[in-house]
Amino acid sequence: GLAHSPKLVGESITQANAAAMRAVTLLARDRLANVAITATVNPRRCVACGVCVQVCDYQARSIDPLRRVADVNEALCQGCGACVAACPNGASQQKGFEKAQLLAMLEAALEAV
């Protein structure tokens, strides 16, 4: 509408209908593909301390009482990395930003200098 640029009423209605149709195509699907960068937990390293649960602003973390490890709800996880930074054991990792990948990027950057 007018937030985009000055338009006539008819143009605003057409643009609103198009935006609604784009939203409907996403909401009508049975499943949505999650392509966002999310966090993961290595259950061998996790001691269920709960630090990651406390720092998660999106309530995407919880402690599984049976397995005694942190769980990540990937639908809620925004990939901010707060849990990864806060984890005292390094049990949390961010997909696409694993330690080995970061070290390889640093080595490549240092070789380029």
C-alpha atoms as a PDB file:
ATOM      1  CA  GLY A   1       0.000   0.000   0.000  1.00  0.00           C
ATOM      2  CA  LEU A   2       1.069   3.534   0.714  1.00  0.00           C
ATOM      3  CA  ALA A   3       3.990   2.441   2.864  1.00  0.00           C
ATOM      4  CA  HIS A   4       5.646   1.155  -0.317  1.00  0.00           C
ATOM      5  CA  SER A   5       5.052   4.262  -2.423  1.00  0.00           C
ATOM      6  CA  PRO A   6       2.137   6.592  -3.238  1.00  0.00           C
ATOM      7  CA  LYS A   7      -0.558   4.552  -5.005  1.00  0.00           C
ATOM      8  CA  LEU A   8      -4.159   4.738  -6.054  1.00  0.00           C
ATOM      9  CA  VAL A   9      -6.677   2.786  -3.964  1.00  0.00           C
ATOM     10  CA  GLY A  10      -7.057   0.120  -6.666  1.00  0.00           C
ATOM     11  CA  GLU A  11      -3.304  -0.459  -6.802  1.00  0.00           C
ATOM     12  CA  SER A  12      -3.129  -0.756  -3.005  1.00  0.00           C
ATOM     13  CA  ILE A  13      -5.922  -3.344  -3.000  1.00  0.00           C
ATOM     14  CA  THR A  14      -4.213  -5.335  -5.769  1.00  0.00           C
ATOM     15  CA  GLN A  15      -0.905  -5.307  -3.888  1.00  0.00           C
ATOM     16  CA  ALA A  16      -2.650  -6.355  -0.653  1.00  0.00           C
ATOM     17  CA  ASN A  17      -4.351  -9.256  -2.448  1.00  0.00           C
ATOM     18  CA  ALA A  18      -1.009 -10.379  -3.885  1.00  0.00           C
ATOM     19  CA  ALA A  19       0.620 -10.278  -0.443  1.00  0.00           C
ATOM     20  CA  ALA A  20      -2.266 -12.266   1.024  1.00  0.00           C
ATOM     21  CA  MET A  21      -1.949 -14.894  -1.712  1.00  0.00           C
ATOM     22  CA  ARG A  22       1.785 -15.272  -1.002  1.00  0.00           C
ATOM     23  CA  ALA A  23       0.993 -15.803   2.669  1.00  0.00           C
ATOM     24  CA  VAL A  24      -1.737 -18.341   1.861  1.00  0.00           C
ATOM     25  CA  THR A  25       0.619 -20.420  -0.290  1.00  0.00           C
ATOM     26  CA  LEU A  26       2.944 -20.801   2.709  1.00  0.00           C
ATOM     27  CA  LEU A  27       0.216 -21.390   5.283  1.00  0.00           C
ATOM     28  CA  ALA A  28      -1.636 -23.944   3.138  1.00  0.00           C
ATOM     29  CA  ARG A  29       1.299 -26.378   3.084  1.00  0.00           C
ATOM     30  CA  ASP A  30       1.265 -29.443   5.315  1.00  0.00           C
ATOM     31  CA  ARG A  31       4.970 -29.050   6.015  1.00  0.00           C
ATOM     32  CA  LEU A  32       7.342 -26.129   5.810  1.00  0.00           C
ATOM     33  CA  ALA A  33      10.990 -26.529   4.947  1.00  0.00           C
ATOM     34  CA  ASN A  34      13.241 -25.116   7.621  1.00  0.00           C
ATOM     35  CA  VAL A  35      16.247 -23.690   5.853  1.00  0.00           C
ATOM     36  CA  ALA A  36      17.303 -21.434   8.690  1.00  0.00           C
ATOM     37  CA  ILE A  37      20.553 -21.858  10.557  1.00  0.00           C
ATOM     38  CA  THR A  38      19.670 -23.582  13.806  1.00  0.00           C
ATOM     39  CA  ALA A  39      21.552 -24.941  16.778  1.00  0.00           C
ATOM     40  CA  THR A  40      22.228 -28.594  17.553  1.00  0.00           C
ATOM     41  CA  VAL A  41      23.317 -30.444  20.683  1.00  0.00           C
ATOM     42  CA  ASN A  42      25.954 -33.133  21.002  1.00  0.00           C
ATOM     43  CA  PRO A  43      24.325 -35.469  23.564  1.00  0.00           C
ATOM     44  CA  ARG A  44      27.712 -36.936  24.536  1.00  0.00           C
ATOM     45  CA  ARG A  45      28.958 -33.554  25.742  1.00  0.00           C
ATOM     46  CA  CYS A  46      25.714 -32.139  27.170  1.00  0.00           C
ATOM     47  CA  VAL A  47      25.334 -32.390  30.965  1.00  0.00           C
ATOM     48  CA  ALA A  48      21.874 -30.759  31.073  1.00  0.00           C
ATOM     49  CA  CYS A  49      23.124 -27.744  33.025  1.00  0.00           C
ATOM     50  CA  GLY A  50      20.332 -25.578  31.557  1.00  0.00           C
ATOM     51  CA  VAL A  51      22.492 -22.557  30.704  1.00  0.00           C
ATOM     52  CA  CYS A  52      21.385 -22.727  27.061  1.00  0.00           C
ATOM     53  CA  VAL A  53      17.736 -22.847  28.133  1.00  0.00           C
ATOM     54  CA  GLN A  54      18.179 -19.708  30.231  1.00  0.00           C
ATOM     55  CA  VAL A  55      19.827 -17.659  27.461  1.00  0.00           C
ATOM     56  CA  CYS A  56      17.431 -18.653  24.643  1.00  0.00           C
ATOM     57  CA  ASP A  57      15.176 -15.664  23.921  1.00  0.00           C
ATOM     58  CA  TYR A  58      12.977 -17.778  21.628  1.00  0.00           C
ATOM     59  CA  GLN A  59      12.138 -20.595  24.092  1.00  0.00           C
ATOM     60  CA  ALA A  60      13.585 -23.048  21.588  1.00  0.00           C
ATOM     61  CA  ARG A  61      15.555 -24.942  24.245  1.00  0.00           C
ATOM     62  CA  SER A  62      14.432 -27.391  26.891  1.00  0.00           C
ATOM     63  CA  ILE A  63      15.984 -30.154  28.963  1.00  0.00           C
ATOM     64  CA  ASP A  64      14.806 -33.682  28.203  1.00  0.00           C
ATOM     65  CA  PRO A  65      14.278 -35.182  31.682  1.00  0.00           C
ATOM     66  CA  LEU A  66      14.640 -38.782  30.473  1.00  0.00           C
ATOM     67  CA  ARG A  67      17.809 -38.423  28.411  1.00  0.00           C
ATOM     68  CA  ARG A  68      19.230 -35.581  30.584  1.00  0.00           C
ATOM     69  CA  VAL A  69      20.318 -33.518  27.584  1.00  0.00           C
ATOM     70  CA  ALA A  70      19.204 -30.229  26.057  1.00  0.00           C
ATOM     71  CA  ASP A  71      16.775 -30.387  23.155  1.00  0.00           C
ATOM     72  CA  VAL A  72      16.357 -27.827  20.376  1.00  0.00           C
ATOM     73  CA  ASN A  73      12.964 -27.079  18.871  1.00  0.00           C
ATOM     74  CA  GLU A  74      14.130 -26.252  15.331  1.00  0.00           C
ATOM     75  CA  ALA A  75      10.801 -24.602  14.479  1.00  0.00           C
ATOM     76  CA  LEU A  76      11.406 -22.005  17.206  1.00  0.00           C
ATOM     77  CA  CYS A  77      15.193 -21.688  16.913  1.00  0.00           C
ATOM     78  CA  GLN A  78      16.258 -18.496  15.147  1.00  0.00           C
ATOM     79  CA  GLY A  79      19.945 -19.424  14.898  1.00  0.00           C
ATOM     80  CA  CYS A  80      21.119 -16.445  16.945  1.00  0.00           C
ATOM     81  CA  GLY A  81      23.936 -18.477  18.554  1.00  0.00           C
ATOM     82  CA  ALA A  82      23.384 -17.301  22.141  1.00  0.00           C
ATOM     83  CA  CYS A  83      23.115 -20.894  23.358  1.00  0.00           C
ATOM     84  CA  VAL A  84      26.290 -21.864  21.508  1.00  0.00           C
ATOM     85  CA  ALA A  85      28.229 -19.029  23.114  1.00  0.00           C
ATOM     86  CA  ALA A  86      26.838 -19.779  26.567  1.00  0.00           C
ATOM     87  CA  CYS A  87      27.387 -23.550  26.593  1.00  0.00           C
ATOM     88  CA  PRO A  88      30.239 -24.265  29.032  1.00  0.00           C
ATOM     89  CA  ASN A  89      31.080 -27.692  27.498  1.00  0.00           C
ATOM     90  CA  GLY A  90      30.818 -26.820  23.820  1.00  0.00           C
ATOM     91  CA  ALA A  91      27.939 -29.279  23.438  1.00  0.00           C
ATOM     92  CA  SER A  92      25.905 -26.739  21.437  1.00  0.00           C
ATOM     93  CA  GLN A  93      26.869 -26.012  17.860  1.00  0.00           C
ATOM     94  CA  GLN A  94      25.295 -23.911  15.155  1.00  0.00           C
ATOM     95  CA  LYS A  95      24.660 -25.589  11.800  1.00  0.00           C
ATOM     96  CA  GLY A  96      26.993 -24.099   9.237  1.00  0.00           C
ATOM     97  CA  PHE A  97      29.264 -22.653  11.917  1.00  0.00           C
ATOM     98  CA  GLU A  98      30.878 -25.733  13.466  1.00  0.00           C
ATOM     99  CA  LYS A  99      34.285 -25.228  15.043  1.00  0.00           C
ATOM    100  CA  ALA A 100      36.105 -27.121  12.289  1.00  0.00           C
ATOM    101  CA  GLN A 101      34.454 -24.934   9.637  1.00  0.00           C
ATOM    102  CA  LEU A 102      35.355 -21.732  11.486  1.00  0.00           C
ATOM    103  CA  LEU A 103      38.972 -22.839  11.905  1.00  0.00           C
ATOM    104  CA  ALA A 104      39.191 -23.663   8.199  1.00  0.00           C
ATOM    105  CA  MET A 105      37.823 -20.194   7.336  1.00  0.00           C
ATOM    106  CA  LEU A 106      40.366 -18.538   9.638  1.00  0.00           C
ATOM    107  CA  GLU A 107      43.236 -20.543   8.141  1.00  0.00           C
ATOM    108  CA  ALA A 108      42.136 -19.608   4.616  1.00  0.00           C
ATOM    109  CA  ALA A 109      41.878 -15.943   5.595  1.00  0.00           C
ATOM    110  CA  LEU A 110      45.342 -15.967   7.167  1.00  0.00           C
ATOM    111  CA  GLU A 111      46.853 -17.641   4.102  1.00  0.00           C
ATOM    112  CA  ALA A 112      45.324 -14.960   1.875  1.00  0.00           C
ATOM    113  CA  VAL A 113      47.063 -12.178   3.867  1.00  0.00           C
END
